[in-house]
Every structure is written in C-alpha cells, then in structure tokens.
Amino acid sequence: MEICKWDAAANDQGVDLYATLGASAQGLPAGLGHRNEFFVGLRPGRDDVASALAALGLHSVREGVTVDHGHSVPCDGPLWPGTAMSSFLVMRQVGEILAPVSLPGGAHVEFLQAIPLYESERRFKVAHGADALIRRWQSAGTAFWDPGRRPDPAS
C-alpha cells in the first residue's frame, strides 16, 4: 500500500491531500467492476496520517468486508501522534476532488473521502447515521479537515 501526497498549493481545496494507491488492487470490490481508493484532506497537513490511511486501505482484506460510503473504520490507535481521533468516516466526495479512474475492461476506481473521527463522533454516527453527523458538522461550522479540531461537544 502506497500513500501519495499533494500539498495544499496543488489543489483547489487548500488542504494537503493524502491518497491510497493499492487499496483497489487489494480490497474487496464494492460492486462488479467497482473498486475504491481512499483519501484524506488535512489543513495543516499531517504526514504521519499515512500509516492510518494505509491501514484503512487494507481494512477490506484484513477484515473480509467491503468499505464504502457511510462506513466508519476504527484504527488500532490514534490516527497520528498527539490526537485522540482513532477512526475514519468514509464518504463519497462532495464535488470532485479526485476524479474516478476508468480501467481496462470497464472497471473503475472511485476515491472515497476518509474523515478523521473522535470516538464520540463515531458513536453519534452509529446512532444517527453518517449524513446526520455531516449535517451536524455543517450547522456547527466544524472544520473536519483541521487535524487540531476539538470533538463535537454535542456528540
């Protein structure tokens, strides 16, 4: 599993982007001819998120499950040193940050966004759904791309 990085100056979102390369070859298909890769955007960037993102990319193989939109995936510890965030929320992109890739034979690879989660946010997502958590963040103005953000106090 490789992790590719684009710094904030190289994209329209103004965040450092980290993306898996290899999850689509390793993971279980989300559907016939459909594979997933994962990315996380952080501002400021945290290069040490690479290990947790690689683990997310291998989660399908390790656990024998398909990871897709709305799933939360725990890590074995913090996503990077010094954070209490310990899982990712996997979501379809809002807009097109990383374009899908068409492969020979009609298969395609979709890039799903991985959003770092605190345990309280993961529990809220389990109880109320991923879309409810995203709406909560939107109404609270939560910058989920900020690696130094605090957990949602209402979660």
C-alpha atoms as a PDB file:
ATOM      1  CA  MET A   1       0.000   0.000   0.000  1.00  0.00           C
ATOM      2  CA  GLU A   2       1.419   3.351  -1.010  1.00  0.00           C
ATOM      3  CA  ILE A   3       0.293   6.801   0.101  1.00  0.00           C
ATOM      4  CA  CYS A   4       0.534   9.687  -2.360  1.00  0.00           C
ATOM      5  CA  LYS A   5       0.563  13.302  -1.204  1.00  0.00           C
ATOM      6  CA  TRP A   6      -0.392  16.560  -2.885  1.00  0.00           C
ATOM      7  CA  ASP A   7       0.287  19.698  -0.899  1.00  0.00           C
ATOM      8  CA  ALA A   8      -2.301  22.417  -0.421  1.00  0.00           C
ATOM      9  CA  ALA A   9      -0.893  24.546  -3.245  1.00  0.00           C
ATOM     10  CA  ALA A  10      -1.573  21.744  -5.757  1.00  0.00           C
ATOM     11  CA  ASN A  11      -5.364  21.565  -5.299  1.00  0.00           C
ATOM     12  CA  ASP A  12      -8.424  23.808  -5.150  1.00  0.00           C
ATOM     13  CA  GLN A  13      -9.419  22.688  -1.636  1.00  0.00           C
ATOM     14  CA  GLY A  14      -6.426  24.287   0.090  1.00  0.00           C
ATOM     15  CA  VAL A  15      -5.640  21.137   2.088  1.00  0.00           C
ATOM     16  CA  ASP A  16      -2.833  18.622   1.922  1.00  0.00           C
ATOM     17  CA  LEU A  17      -4.308  15.536   0.254  1.00  0.00           C
ATOM     18  CA  TYR A  18      -3.143  12.020   1.086  1.00  0.00           C
ATOM     19  CA  ALA A  19      -4.448   9.129  -1.030  1.00  0.00           C
ATOM     20  CA  THR A  20      -4.036   5.376  -1.037  1.00  0.00           C
ATOM     21  CA  LEU A  21      -2.565   3.635  -4.030  1.00  0.00           C
ATOM     22  CA  GLY A  22      -3.175  -0.090  -3.890  1.00  0.00           C
ATOM     23  CA  ALA A  23      -6.461  -0.397  -1.991  1.00  0.00           C
ATOM     24  CA  SER A  24      -8.284  -1.002  -5.267  1.00  0.00           C
ATOM     25  CA  ALA A  25      -5.939  -3.874  -6.112  1.00  0.00           C
ATOM     26  CA  GLN A  26      -6.025  -5.370  -2.599  1.00  0.00           C
ATOM     27  CA  GLY A  27      -9.533  -4.724  -1.356  1.00  0.00           C
ATOM     28  CA  LEU A  28     -12.811  -6.475  -1.917  1.00  0.00           C
ATOM     29  CA  PRO A  29     -14.875  -4.949  -4.719  1.00  0.00           C
ATOM     30  CA  ALA A  30     -17.731  -2.654  -3.703  1.00  0.00           C
ATOM     31  CA  GLY A  31     -19.613  -3.880  -6.764  1.00  0.00           C
ATOM     32  CA  LEU A  32     -18.977  -5.557 -10.081  1.00  0.00           C
ATOM     33  CA  GLY A  33     -16.159  -3.689 -11.796  1.00  0.00           C
ATOM     34  CA  HIS A  34     -16.013  -1.157  -8.962  1.00  0.00           C
ATOM     35  CA  ARG A  35     -13.014  -0.588  -6.694  1.00  0.00           C
ATOM     36  CA  ASN A  36     -12.222   2.030  -4.071  1.00  0.00           C
ATOM     37  CA  GLU A  37      -9.208   4.081  -3.057  1.00  0.00           C
ATOM     38  CA  PHE A  38      -9.291   6.471  -0.101  1.00  0.00           C
ATOM     39  CA  PHE A  39      -8.065   9.983   0.573  1.00  0.00           C
ATOM     40  CA  VAL A  40      -7.968  12.397   3.467  1.00  0.00           C
ATOM     41  CA  GLY A  41      -7.536  16.161   3.273  1.00  0.00           C
ATOM     42  CA  LEU A  42      -5.937  17.985   6.199  1.00  0.00           C
ATOM     43  CA  ARG A  43      -5.015  21.615   6.856  1.00  0.00           C
ATOM     44  CA  PRO A  44      -2.373  21.856   8.114  1.00  0.00           C
ATOM     45  CA  GLY A  45      -1.059  18.593   6.715  1.00  0.00           C
ATOM     46  CA  ARG A  46      -0.025  15.691   8.940  1.00  0.00           C
ATOM     47  CA  ASP A  47       2.284  13.367   7.044  1.00  0.00           C
ATOM     48  CA  ASP A  48       2.077  10.879   9.912  1.00  0.00           C
ATOM     49  CA  VAL A  49      -1.554  10.128   8.927  1.00  0.00           C
ATOM     50  CA  ALA A  50      -0.075   7.923   6.178  1.00  0.00           C
ATOM     51  CA  SER A  51       0.121   4.799   8.349  1.00  0.00           C
ATOM     52  CA  ALA A  52      -3.538   5.015   9.448  1.00  0.00           C
ATOM     53  CA  LEU A  53      -4.653   5.727   5.865  1.00  0.00           C
ATOM     54  CA  ALA A  54      -2.699   2.705   4.609  1.00  0.00           C
ATOM     55  CA  ALA A  55      -4.407   0.599   7.296  1.00  0.00           C
ATOM     56  CA  LEU A  56      -7.777   1.876   6.031  1.00  0.00           C
ATOM     57  CA  GLY A  57      -6.794   0.841   2.515  1.00  0.00           C
ATOM     58  CA  LEU A  58      -6.051  -2.692   3.753  1.00  0.00           C
ATOM     59  CA  HIS A  59      -9.096  -2.964   6.028  1.00  0.00           C
ATOM     60  CA  SER A  60     -11.178  -4.828   3.420  1.00  0.00           C
ATOM     61  CA  VAL A  61      -8.584  -7.567   3.042  1.00  0.00           C
ATOM     62  CA  ARG A  62      -7.803  -7.796   6.750  1.00  0.00           C
ATOM     63  CA  GLU A  63     -11.441  -7.956   7.875  1.00  0.00           C
ATOM     64  CA  GLY A  64     -13.072  -9.534   4.802  1.00  0.00           C
ATOM     65  CA  VAL A  65     -15.572  -6.678   4.414  1.00  0.00           C
ATOM     66  CA  THR A  66     -16.261  -4.036   1.797  1.00  0.00           C
ATOM     67  CA  VAL A  67     -15.653  -0.456   2.925  1.00  0.00           C
ATOM     68  CA  ASP A  68     -17.985   2.038   1.283  1.00  0.00           C
ATOM     69  CA  HIS A  69     -19.936   5.267   1.781  1.00  0.00           C
ATOM     70  CA  GLY A  70     -21.101   5.839   5.365  1.00  0.00           C
ATOM     71  CA  HIS A  71     -18.895   3.218   6.995  1.00  0.00           C
ATOM     72  CA  SER A  72     -16.729   4.072   9.975  1.00  0.00           C
ATOM     73  CA  VAL A  73     -13.462   2.189  10.239  1.00  0.00           C
ATOM     74  CA  PRO A  74     -11.505   2.047  13.509  1.00  0.00           C
ATOM     75  CA  CYS A  75      -7.725   2.130  13.697  1.00  0.00           C
ATOM     76  CA  ASP A  76      -5.644   0.324  16.294  1.00  0.00           C
ATOM     77  CA  GLY A  77      -4.759   3.640  17.941  1.00  0.00           C
ATOM     78  CA  PRO A  78      -4.577   7.359  17.220  1.00  0.00           C
ATOM     79  CA  LEU A  79      -4.600   8.356  13.547  1.00  0.00           C
ATOM     80  CA  TRP A  80      -1.351  10.258  14.210  1.00  0.00           C
ATOM     81  CA  PRO A  81       0.690  11.012  17.330  1.00  0.00           C
ATOM     82  CA  GLY A  82      -0.947  13.511  19.681  1.00  0.00           C
ATOM     83  CA  THR A  83      -4.548  13.117  18.518  1.00  0.00           C
ATOM     84  CA  ALA A  84      -7.460  11.335  20.146  1.00  0.00           C
ATOM     85  CA  MET A  85      -9.059  10.711  16.727  1.00  0.00           C
ATOM     86  CA  SER A  86      -8.966   6.969  16.161  1.00  0.00           C
ATOM     87  CA  SER A  87     -11.263   6.109  13.253  1.00  0.00           C
ATOM     88  CA  PHE A  88     -12.248   7.290   9.795  1.00  0.00           C
ATOM     89  CA  LEU A  89     -15.692   8.061   8.410  1.00  0.00           C
ATOM     90  CA  VAL A  90     -15.732   7.009   4.750  1.00  0.00           C
ATOM     91  CA  MET A  91     -17.870   9.209   2.488  1.00  0.00           C
ATOM     92  CA  ARG A  92     -18.435   9.852  -1.191  1.00  0.00           C
ATOM     93  CA  GLN A  93     -16.818  13.068  -2.284  1.00  0.00           C
ATOM     94  CA  VAL A  94     -18.825  16.250  -2.213  1.00  0.00           C
ATOM     95  CA  GLY A  95     -17.851  17.623  -5.587  1.00  0.00           C
ATOM     96  CA  GLU A  96     -14.989  16.056  -7.467  1.00  0.00           C
ATOM     97  CA  ILE A  97     -11.751  16.367  -5.531  1.00  0.00           C
ATOM     98  CA  LEU A  98     -10.103  13.294  -7.075  1.00  0.00           C
ATOM     99  CA  ALA A  99     -11.618  12.084 -10.338  1.00  0.00           C
ATOM    100  CA  PRO A 100     -12.614   8.440 -10.770  1.00  0.00           C
ATOM    101  CA  VAL A 101     -10.290   6.313 -12.887  1.00  0.00           C
ATOM    102  CA  SER A 102     -11.511   4.004 -15.666  1.00  0.00           C
ATOM    103  CA  LEU A 103      -9.613   0.749 -16.003  1.00  0.00           C
ATOM    104  CA  PRO A 104      -9.329  -1.623 -18.970  1.00  0.00           C
ATOM    105  CA  GLY A 105     -12.276  -3.982 -19.178  1.00  0.00           C
ATOM    106  CA  GLY A 106     -14.811  -1.446 -17.914  1.00  0.00           C
ATOM    107  CA  ALA A 107     -13.847  -1.448 -14.233  1.00  0.00           C
ATOM    108  CA  HIS A 108     -13.470   1.859 -12.452  1.00  0.00           C
ATOM    109  CA  VAL A 109     -11.887   3.167  -9.253  1.00  0.00           C
ATOM    110  CA  GLU A 110     -13.686   5.703  -7.073  1.00  0.00           C
ATOM    111  CA  PHE A 111     -11.860   7.820  -4.498  1.00  0.00           C
ATOM    112  CA  LEU A 112     -13.770   7.909  -1.205  1.00  0.00           C
ATOM    113  CA  GLN A 113     -13.046  10.586   1.371  1.00  0.00           C
ATOM    114  CA  ALA A 114     -11.817   9.476   4.789  1.00  0.00           C
ATOM    115  CA  ILE A 115     -12.715  11.928   7.561  1.00  0.00           C
ATOM    116  CA  PRO A 116     -10.933  11.604  10.922  1.00  0.00           C
ATOM    117  CA  LEU A 117     -13.305  10.904  13.827  1.00  0.00           C
ATOM    118  CA  TYR A 118     -13.219  11.130  17.587  1.00  0.00           C
ATOM    119  CA  GLU A 119     -14.829   8.216  19.413  1.00  0.00           C
ATOM    120  CA  SER A 120     -17.798  10.379  20.468  1.00  0.00           C
ATOM    121  CA  GLU A 121     -18.388  11.328  16.813  1.00  0.00           C
ATOM    122  CA  ARG A 122     -18.180   7.676  15.761  1.00  0.00           C
ATOM    123  CA  ARG A 123     -20.797   6.776  18.388  1.00  0.00           C
ATOM    124  CA  PHE A 124     -23.055   9.597  17.145  1.00  0.00           C
ATOM    125  CA  LYS A 125     -22.645   8.319  13.577  1.00  0.00           C
ATOM    126  CA  VAL A 126     -23.555   4.773  14.656  1.00  0.00           C
ATOM    127  CA  ALA A 127     -26.666   6.030  16.478  1.00  0.00           C
ATOM    128  CA  HIS A 128     -27.867   8.612  13.928  1.00  0.00           C
ATOM    129  CA  GLY A 129     -26.109   7.893  10.621  1.00  0.00           C
ATOM    130  CA  ALA A 130     -23.277   9.453   8.656  1.00  0.00           C
ATOM    131  CA  ASP A 131     -25.476  12.060   6.969  1.00  0.00           C
ATOM    132  CA  ALA A 132     -26.733  13.286  10.365  1.00  0.00           C
ATOM    133  CA  LEU A 133     -23.143  13.717  11.553  1.00  0.00           C
ATOM    134  CA  ILE A 134     -22.229  15.669   8.413  1.00  0.00           C
ATOM    135  CA  ARG A 135     -25.315  17.910   8.850  1.00  0.00           C
ATOM    136  CA  ARG A 136     -24.370  18.474  12.495  1.00  0.00           C
ATOM    137  CA  TRP A 137     -20.857  19.498  11.457  1.00  0.00           C
ATOM    138  CA  GLN A 138     -22.205  21.794   8.734  1.00  0.00           C
ATOM    139  CA  SER A 139     -24.568  23.603  11.102  1.00  0.00           C
ATOM    140  CA  ALA A 140     -21.825  23.926  13.745  1.00  0.00           C
ATOM    141  CA  GLY A 141     -19.229  25.107  11.180  1.00  0.00           C
ATOM    142  CA  THR A 142     -16.923  22.214  12.114  1.00  0.00           C
ATOM    143  CA  ALA A 143     -13.719  22.172  10.075  1.00  0.00           C
ATOM    144  CA  PHE A 144     -13.385  18.383   9.833  1.00  0.00           C
ATOM    145  CA  TRP A 145     -10.169  18.844   7.794  1.00  0.00           C
ATOM    146  CA  ASP A 146      -8.457  20.537  10.767  1.00  0.00           C
ATOM    147  CA  PRO A 147      -6.231  17.952  12.500  1.00  0.00           C
ATOM    148  CA  GLY A 148      -6.268  20.112  15.651  1.00  0.00           C
ATOM    149  CA  ARG A 149     -10.046  20.457  15.908  1.00  0.00           C
ATOM    150  CA  ARG A 150     -11.899  19.555  19.065  1.00  0.00           C
ATOM    151  CA  PRO A 151     -14.607  16.885  19.111  1.00  0.00           C
ATOM    152  CA  ASP A 152     -18.198  17.984  18.574  1.00  0.00           C
ATOM    153  CA  PRO A 153     -19.317  18.674  22.178  1.00  0.00           C
ATOM    154  CA  ALA A 154     -22.869  17.510  21.478  1.00  0.00           C
ATOM    155  CA  SER A 155     -21.734  14.109  20.137  1.00  0.00           C
END
